[in-house]
Amino acid sequence: MSVQCIKHPEYPKKILLSNHQGVIKLNQILASWKLMIARNMVTQSTQGIMCDLNDANLDITMSDFKFAIHSLEKFQWVKQIKIAVITNSPHDVVFPMFGEKYHPTIKIRPFSTFKGAEDWILL
């Protein structure tokens, strides 16, 4: 598993990219968020985070995902940004769909393309 957190090359002040590779577990998801916080990557101008799971496999349960969402809801800034999850995996797309429907304080949505994710975040 590896995670790379960088600023978007075209929109560095507005969008962060979180690229995941390999098998991803709950602790690694939480660690990637802690990394962005520790590096002060999220600022007042940040509009969203694009989480690329195209080269990853989520090894989490719905309980794990609920725990992650509840952990994120504790941060006020998370409620002010959009989280775009980019994946083509039917297994992985279920999680952001669940978050979008049942946790409206977190703006999370699945996408199959980077362009769709960018457009949504920049709206």
C-alpha atoms as a PDB file:
ATOM      1  CA  MET A   1       0.000   0.000   0.000  1.00  0.00           C
ATOM      2  CA  SER A   2       1.181   3.482  -0.768  1.00  0.00           C
ATOM      3  CA  VAL A   3      -0.459   6.873  -0.526  1.00  0.00           C
ATOM      4  CA  GLN A   4       0.733  10.054  -2.150  1.00  0.00           C
ATOM      5  CA  CYS A   5      -0.850  13.362  -1.126  1.00  0.00           C
ATOM      6  CA  ILE A   6      -0.082  16.277  -3.429  1.00  0.00           C
ATOM      7  CA  LYS A   7      -1.597  19.531  -4.638  1.00  0.00           C
ATOM      8  CA  HIS A   8      -3.444  19.399  -7.936  1.00  0.00           C
ATOM      9  CA  PRO A   9      -1.090  20.606 -10.714  1.00  0.00           C
ATOM     10  CA  GLU A  10      -3.707  22.890 -12.325  1.00  0.00           C
ATOM     11  CA  TYR A  11      -5.591  23.948  -9.171  1.00  0.00           C
ATOM     12  CA  PRO A  12      -2.982  23.800  -6.363  1.00  0.00           C
ATOM     13  CA  LYS A  13      -4.872  26.139  -4.041  1.00  0.00           C
ATOM     14  CA  LYS A  14      -8.260  24.511  -4.587  1.00  0.00           C
ATOM     15  CA  ILE A  15      -7.787  20.730  -4.947  1.00  0.00           C
ATOM     16  CA  LEU A  16      -5.644  18.122  -3.219  1.00  0.00           C
ATOM     17  CA  LEU A  17      -4.923  14.727  -4.763  1.00  0.00           C
ATOM     18  CA  SER A  18      -4.709  11.618  -2.634  1.00  0.00           C
ATOM     19  CA  ASN A  19      -3.420   8.754  -4.799  1.00  0.00           C
ATOM     20  CA  HIS A  20      -3.772   5.274  -3.322  1.00  0.00           C
ATOM     21  CA  GLN A  21      -2.120   2.090  -4.578  1.00  0.00           C
ATOM     22  CA  GLY A  22      -2.329  -1.522  -3.466  1.00  0.00           C
ATOM     23  CA  VAL A  23      -4.555  -2.928  -0.749  1.00  0.00           C
ATOM     24  CA  ILE A  24      -6.009  -0.156   1.433  1.00  0.00           C
ATOM     25  CA  LYS A  25      -7.163  -0.748   5.000  1.00  0.00           C
ATOM     26  CA  LEU A  26      -8.963   1.574   7.411  1.00  0.00           C
ATOM     27  CA  ASN A  27      -5.835   2.634   9.295  1.00  0.00           C
ATOM     28  CA  GLN A  28      -4.196   3.655   6.006  1.00  0.00           C
ATOM     29  CA  ILE A  29      -7.170   5.803   5.014  1.00  0.00           C
ATOM     30  CA  LEU A  30      -7.070   7.580   8.364  1.00  0.00           C
ATOM     31  CA  ALA A  31      -3.270   7.940   8.112  1.00  0.00           C
ATOM     32  CA  SER A  32      -3.590   9.669   4.726  1.00  0.00           C
ATOM     33  CA  TRP A  33      -5.967  12.245   6.233  1.00  0.00           C
ATOM     34  CA  LYS A  34      -3.644  12.761   9.201  1.00  0.00           C
ATOM     35  CA  LEU A  35      -0.767  13.270   6.752  1.00  0.00           C
ATOM     36  CA  MET A  36      -2.641  16.028   4.908  1.00  0.00           C
ATOM     37  CA  ILE A  37      -3.443  17.688   8.238  1.00  0.00           C
ATOM     38  CA  ALA A  38       0.132  17.370   9.558  1.00  0.00           C
ATOM     39  CA  ARG A  39       1.522  18.904   6.365  1.00  0.00           C
ATOM     40  CA  ASN A  40      -1.006  21.771   6.567  1.00  0.00           C
ATOM     41  CA  MET A  41      -2.134  20.934   3.046  1.00  0.00           C
ATOM     42  CA  VAL A  42      -5.771  21.811   3.727  1.00  0.00           C
ATOM     43  CA  THR A  43      -6.248  25.578   3.805  1.00  0.00           C
ATOM     44  CA  GLN A  44      -9.214  27.929   3.699  1.00  0.00           C
ATOM     45  CA  SER A  45      -8.958  28.020  -0.097  1.00  0.00           C
ATOM     46  CA  THR A  46      -9.152  24.214  -0.393  1.00  0.00           C
ATOM     47  CA  GLN A  47     -12.414  23.291  -2.107  1.00  0.00           C
ATOM     48  CA  GLY A  48     -11.948  19.556  -2.309  1.00  0.00           C
ATOM     49  CA  ILE A  49      -9.911  16.396  -2.216  1.00  0.00           C
ATOM     50  CA  MET A  50      -9.768  13.890  -5.049  1.00  0.00           C
ATOM     51  CA  CYS A  51      -9.083  10.366  -3.741  1.00  0.00           C
ATOM     52  CA  ASP A  52      -7.846   8.211  -6.621  1.00  0.00           C
ATOM     53  CA  LEU A  53      -8.530   4.523  -5.951  1.00  0.00           C
ATOM     54  CA  ASN A  54      -8.041   3.299  -9.526  1.00  0.00           C
ATOM     55  CA  ASP A  55      -4.829   1.457  -8.592  1.00  0.00           C
ATOM     56  CA  ALA A  56      -6.093   0.364  -5.185  1.00  0.00           C
ATOM     57  CA  ASN A  57      -8.347  -2.227  -3.609  1.00  0.00           C
ATOM     58  CA  LEU A  58     -10.287  -1.208  -0.530  1.00  0.00           C
ATOM     59  CA  ASP A  59     -10.091  -3.902   2.119  1.00  0.00           C
ATOM     60  CA  ILE A  60     -12.640  -2.363   4.460  1.00  0.00           C
ATOM     61  CA  THR A  61     -16.077  -3.214   5.726  1.00  0.00           C
ATOM     62  CA  MET A  62     -19.088  -0.946   5.945  1.00  0.00           C
ATOM     63  CA  SER A  63     -18.394  -0.677   9.696  1.00  0.00           C
ATOM     64  CA  ASP A  64     -14.860   0.519   8.887  1.00  0.00           C
ATOM     65  CA  PHE A  65     -16.248   3.092   6.472  1.00  0.00           C
ATOM     66  CA  LYS A  66     -18.786   4.346   9.023  1.00  0.00           C
ATOM     67  CA  PHE A  67     -15.968   4.712  11.560  1.00  0.00           C
ATOM     68  CA  ALA A  68     -13.909   6.707   9.039  1.00  0.00           C
ATOM     69  CA  ILE A  69     -16.851   9.003   8.256  1.00  0.00           C
ATOM     70  CA  HIS A  70     -17.587   9.578  11.944  1.00  0.00           C
ATOM     71  CA  SER A  71     -13.892  10.345  12.509  1.00  0.00           C
ATOM     72  CA  LEU A  72     -13.911  12.886   9.667  1.00  0.00           C
ATOM     73  CA  GLU A  73     -17.125  14.522  10.883  1.00  0.00           C
ATOM     74  CA  LYS A  74     -15.236  15.695  13.977  1.00  0.00           C
ATOM     75  CA  PHE A  75     -13.260  18.140  11.828  1.00  0.00           C
ATOM     76  CA  GLN A  76     -15.220  21.257  10.893  1.00  0.00           C
ATOM     77  CA  TRP A  77     -13.112  21.855   7.762  1.00  0.00           C
ATOM     78  CA  VAL A  78     -14.157  18.472   6.342  1.00  0.00           C
ATOM     79  CA  LYS A  79     -17.750  19.678   6.261  1.00  0.00           C
ATOM     80  CA  GLN A  80     -16.671  22.648   4.118  1.00  0.00           C
ATOM     81  CA  ILE A  81     -14.919  20.718   1.334  1.00  0.00           C
ATOM     82  CA  LYS A  82     -15.928  18.112  -1.238  1.00  0.00           C
ATOM     83  CA  ILE A  83     -14.446  14.626  -1.329  1.00  0.00           C
ATOM     84  CA  ALA A  84     -14.418  13.012  -4.772  1.00  0.00           C
ATOM     85  CA  VAL A  85     -13.626   9.295  -4.800  1.00  0.00           C
ATOM     86  CA  ILE A  86     -12.396   8.162  -8.208  1.00  0.00           C
ATOM     87  CA  THR A  87     -12.860   4.462  -8.845  1.00  0.00           C
ATOM     88  CA  ASN A  88     -14.220   2.024 -11.378  1.00  0.00           C
ATOM     89  CA  SER A  89     -14.556  -0.819  -8.886  1.00  0.00           C
ATOM     90  CA  PRO A  90     -18.145  -1.818  -8.058  1.00  0.00           C
ATOM     91  CA  HIS A  91     -16.975  -2.833  -4.567  1.00  0.00           C
ATOM     92  CA  ASP A  92     -15.272   0.501  -3.868  1.00  0.00           C
ATOM     93  CA  VAL A  93     -17.964   2.750  -5.358  1.00  0.00           C
ATOM     94  CA  VAL A  94     -20.470   1.560  -2.734  1.00  0.00           C
ATOM     95  CA  PHE A  95     -18.673   3.404   0.069  1.00  0.00           C
ATOM     96  CA  PRO A  96     -18.866   6.980  -1.256  1.00  0.00           C
ATOM     97  CA  MET A  97     -22.413   6.285  -2.437  1.00  0.00           C
ATOM     98  CA  PHE A  98     -23.335   5.269   1.104  1.00  0.00           C
ATOM     99  CA  GLY A  99     -21.595   8.340   2.519  1.00  0.00           C
ATOM    100  CA  GLU A 100     -23.379  10.649   0.104  1.00  0.00           C
ATOM    101  CA  LYS A 101     -26.785   9.235   0.994  1.00  0.00           C
ATOM    102  CA  TYR A 102     -26.515   8.699   4.758  1.00  0.00           C
ATOM    103  CA  HIS A 103     -23.989  11.316   5.902  1.00  0.00           C
ATOM    104  CA  PRO A 104     -25.018  14.597   4.250  1.00  0.00           C
ATOM    105  CA  THR A 105     -22.690  16.670   6.472  1.00  0.00           C
ATOM    106  CA  ILE A 106     -19.805  15.127   4.513  1.00  0.00           C
ATOM    107  CA  LYS A 107     -19.898  16.054   0.834  1.00  0.00           C
ATOM    108  CA  ILE A 108     -18.605  12.825  -0.694  1.00  0.00           C
ATOM    109  CA  ARG A 109     -19.387  11.424  -4.126  1.00  0.00           C
ATOM    110  CA  PRO A 110     -18.019   8.676  -6.396  1.00  0.00           C
ATOM    111  CA  PHE A 111     -16.648   9.414  -9.872  1.00  0.00           C
ATOM    112  CA  SER A 112     -15.221   7.319 -12.672  1.00  0.00           C
ATOM    113  CA  THR A 113     -13.196  10.165 -14.227  1.00  0.00           C
ATOM    114  CA  PHE A 114     -10.839  12.856 -13.001  1.00  0.00           C
ATOM    115  CA  LYS A 115     -12.624  15.466 -15.121  1.00  0.00           C
ATOM    116  CA  GLY A 116     -15.982  14.719 -13.501  1.00  0.00           C
ATOM    117  CA  ALA A 117     -14.420  14.949 -10.044  1.00  0.00           C
ATOM    118  CA  GLU A 118     -12.667  18.228 -10.849  1.00  0.00           C
ATOM    119  CA  ASP A 119     -15.813  19.789 -12.311  1.00  0.00           C
ATOM    120  CA  TRP A 120     -17.869  18.842  -9.236  1.00  0.00           C
ATOM    121  CA  ILE A 121     -15.294  20.179  -6.783  1.00  0.00           C
ATOM    122  CA  LEU A 122     -14.927  23.462  -8.663  1.00  0.00           C
ATOM    123  CA  LEU A 123     -18.704  24.119  -8.885  1.00  0.00           C
END
